[in-house]
Protein backbone atom coordinates (compact mmCIF):
# COMPACT_ATOMS: atom_id res chain seq x y z
CA UNK A 1 -130.36 -119.10 -50.57
CA UNK A 2 -131.52 -121.14 -47.25
CA UNK A 3 -135.25 -121.92 -46.74
CA UNK A 4 -136.19 -122.36 -42.99
CA UNK A 5 -139.76 -123.99 -41.90
CA UNK A 6 -141.53 -124.24 -38.45
CA UNK A 7 -142.17 -128.26 -39.18
CA UNK A 8 -139.51 -131.15 -39.11
CA UNK A 9 -142.08 -132.72 -41.86
CA UNK A 10 -140.98 -130.02 -44.51
CA UNK A 11 -137.21 -131.10 -44.24
CA UNK A 12 -138.13 -134.94 -44.19
CA UNK A 13 -139.73 -134.51 -47.59
CA UNK A 14 -136.73 -132.57 -48.35
CA UNK A 15 -134.34 -135.03 -47.96
CA UNK A 16 -136.67 -137.79 -49.17
CA UNK A 17 -137.08 -135.65 -53.00
CA UNK A 18 -133.40 -134.75 -53.47
CA UNK A 19 -131.15 -136.93 -51.15
CA UNK A 20 -127.35 -135.27 -51.12
CA UNK A 21 -128.99 -132.87 -53.69
CA UNK A 22 -131.62 -131.13 -50.92
CA UNK A 23 -131.21 -127.25 -50.64
CA UNK A 24 -129.75 -125.98 -47.55
CA UNK A 25 -132.93 -125.88 -45.17
CA UNK A 26 -133.43 -125.26 -41.47
CA UNK A 27 -135.91 -126.14 -39.11
CA UNK A 28 -137.23 -123.78 -36.20
CA UNK A 29 -139.88 -126.82 -35.14
CA UNK A 30 -142.30 -124.25 -33.71
CA UNK A 31 -141.12 -121.49 -31.46
CA UNK A 32 -137.77 -120.73 -32.62
CA UNK A 33 -135.32 -121.12 -29.74
CA UNK A 34 -132.34 -119.42 -29.20
CA UNK A 35 -129.77 -121.54 -30.82
CA UNK A 36 -132.10 -121.51 -34.34
CA UNK A 37 -132.39 -117.56 -34.12
CA UNK A 38 -128.53 -117.68 -33.65
CA UNK A 39 -127.78 -119.74 -36.25
CA UNK A 40 -130.35 -118.23 -39.30
CA UNK A 41 -128.58 -114.90 -38.15
CA UNK A 42 -125.39 -116.22 -38.74
CA UNK A 43 -126.29 -118.03 -41.96
CA UNK A 44 -127.64 -114.30 -42.92
CA UNK A 45 -124.66 -112.61 -41.69
CA UNK A 46 -122.81 -115.13 -44.04
CA UNK A 47 -124.74 -113.67 -46.87
CA UNK A 48 -127.02 -116.86 -47.57
CA UNK A 49 -131.06 -115.15 -48.46
CA UNK A 50 -133.10 -116.83 -45.64
CA UNK A 51 -136.78 -117.68 -47.03
CA UNK A 52 -139.48 -118.99 -44.18
CA UNK A 53 -142.65 -120.92 -44.46
CA UNK A 54 -144.60 -121.71 -41.56
CA UNK A 55 -148.67 -123.08 -40.94
CA UNK A 56 -151.32 -120.64 -41.92
CA UNK A 57 -152.90 -120.58 -38.36
CA UNK A 58 -152.67 -118.15 -35.74
CA UNK A 59 -149.90 -120.07 -34.09
CA UNK A 60 -148.23 -120.28 -37.01
CA UNK A 61 -148.20 -116.41 -37.76
CA UNK A 62 -147.08 -115.88 -34.07
CA UNK A 63 -144.24 -117.99 -34.93
CA UNK A 64 -143.13 -115.96 -38.06
CA UNK A 65 -143.94 -112.93 -36.41
CA UNK A 66 -141.22 -113.42 -33.82
CA UNK A 67 -138.76 -114.55 -36.71
CA UNK A 68 -139.89 -111.44 -38.57
CA UNK A 69 -139.12 -109.36 -35.47
CA UNK A 70 -135.99 -110.96 -34.22
CA UNK A 71 -134.50 -111.34 -37.90
CA UNK A 72 -136.14 -108.97 -40.02
CA UNK A 73 -133.82 -109.93 -43.18
CA UNK A 74 -135.54 -113.37 -43.49
CA UNK A 75 -138.40 -113.00 -46.44
CA UNK A 76 -141.28 -115.30 -46.74
CA UNK A 77 -141.53 -118.48 -49.03
CA UNK A 78 -145.06 -119.10 -50.64
CA UNK A 79 -146.20 -117.52 -46.93
CA UNK A 80 -149.01 -114.66 -48.29
CA UNK A 81 -152.73 -114.00 -48.53
CA UNK A 82 -152.44 -115.27 -52.17
CA UNK A 83 -150.56 -118.31 -51.24
CA UNK A 84 -152.94 -119.19 -48.38
CA UNK A 85 -156.22 -118.57 -50.74
CA UNK A 86 -154.59 -120.54 -53.31
CA UNK A 87 -154.34 -123.54 -50.87
CA UNK A 88 -158.09 -122.97 -49.19
CA UNK A 89 -159.45 -123.07 -53.07
CA UNK A 90 -157.67 -126.77 -53.36
CA UNK A 91 -159.60 -127.43 -50.14
CA UNK A 92 -156.93 -127.96 -48.23
CA UNK A 93 -158.48 -126.19 -45.33
CA UNK A 94 -159.47 -128.76 -43.29
CA UNK A 95 -159.32 -127.73 -39.94
CA UNK A 96 -161.26 -124.40 -38.13
CA UNK A 97 -159.06 -121.61 -36.97
CA UNK A 98 -158.42 -121.54 -33.34
CA UNK A 99 -156.59 -119.57 -30.76
CA UNK A 100 -155.63 -115.69 -30.49
CA UNK A 101 -155.84 -114.05 -34.09
CA UNK A 102 -152.23 -112.72 -35.08
CA UNK A 103 -151.11 -110.39 -37.72
CA UNK A 104 -149.11 -111.71 -40.68
CA UNK A 105 -145.58 -109.95 -40.39
CA UNK A 106 -144.79 -110.15 -44.36
CA UNK A 107 -148.38 -109.71 -45.90
CA UNK A 108 -150.86 -107.27 -44.34
CA UNK A 109 -153.44 -109.40 -46.11
CA UNK A 110 -153.12 -112.59 -44.85
CA UNK A 111 -154.39 -112.37 -41.80
CA UNK A 112 -157.57 -110.67 -42.89
CA UNK A 113 -157.65 -113.71 -45.54
CA UNK A 114 -157.09 -116.26 -42.71
CA UNK A 115 -159.84 -115.04 -40.38
CA UNK A 116 -162.42 -114.30 -43.13
CA UNK A 117 -161.72 -118.25 -44.43
CA UNK A 118 -161.54 -119.06 -40.73
CA UNK A 119 -159.29 -122.38 -41.99
CA UNK A 120 -156.35 -123.18 -41.00
CA UNK A 121 -153.38 -124.74 -43.51
CA UNK A 122 -150.74 -126.74 -42.44
CA UNK A 123 -147.47 -126.90 -44.25
CA UNK A 124 -147.59 -130.60 -44.43
CA UNK A 125 -150.93 -129.59 -46.70
CA UNK A 126 -148.75 -127.55 -48.97
CA UNK A 127 -145.59 -129.94 -49.01
CA UNK A 128 -146.27 -130.41 -52.78
CA UNK A 129 -146.03 -126.81 -53.75
CA UNK A 130 -143.50 -126.29 -51.32
CA UNK A 131 -141.23 -128.99 -53.44
CA UNK A 132 -142.34 -127.84 -56.40
CA UNK A 133 -140.54 -124.41 -56.45
CA UNK A 134 -137.23 -125.47 -54.54
CA UNK A 135 -134.05 -125.42 -56.50
CA UNK A 136 -132.03 -128.54 -56.52
CA UNK A 137 -128.53 -127.28 -54.94
CA UNK A 138 -125.49 -126.71 -56.16
CA UNK A 139 -122.32 -129.16 -55.15
CA UNK A 140 -121.22 -125.54 -53.45
CA UNK A 141 -124.08 -125.77 -50.86
CA UNK A 142 -124.13 -128.01 -47.75
CA UNK A 143 -127.14 -129.81 -46.52
CA UNK A 144 -127.98 -128.35 -43.11
CA UNK A 145 -129.61 -130.99 -40.88
CA UNK A 146 -132.49 -130.21 -39.23
CA UNK A 147 -134.79 -132.45 -36.57
CA UNK A 148 -136.37 -131.40 -33.29
CA UNK A 149 -133.10 -132.07 -31.59
CA UNK A 150 -131.15 -129.77 -33.61
CA UNK A 151 -131.86 -126.18 -35.24
């Protein structure tokens, strides 16, 4: 499995926590570039299951929509209405949602839940949850470095 995220902070947290045993993770760093999409597509073609997490805000759902449309084989990673509602209940929705509402590609209940709560939750705010369910990579998995200047 290869994890994918929207923000470089997730990659930094993974490498800080797991070091060389960090699982394969790719960061699209906002709206994915053609290069990022091609790398994710090739990883999928090579047999890797890809799980994506992004920000719980309208821009994050727009980015997820692009990824889901261009790479329909990608699945969500803690990126549904239940995950959002759990974060809101934990008091993590500290900023108001702004921008144009969007739909959620993997969970039709996510966008309405976000609209009802009216709060944004960013990946950095749910890092603890993301790190808790990451399996330690085995030696046959290669770390895929991802910085704002790479994929």
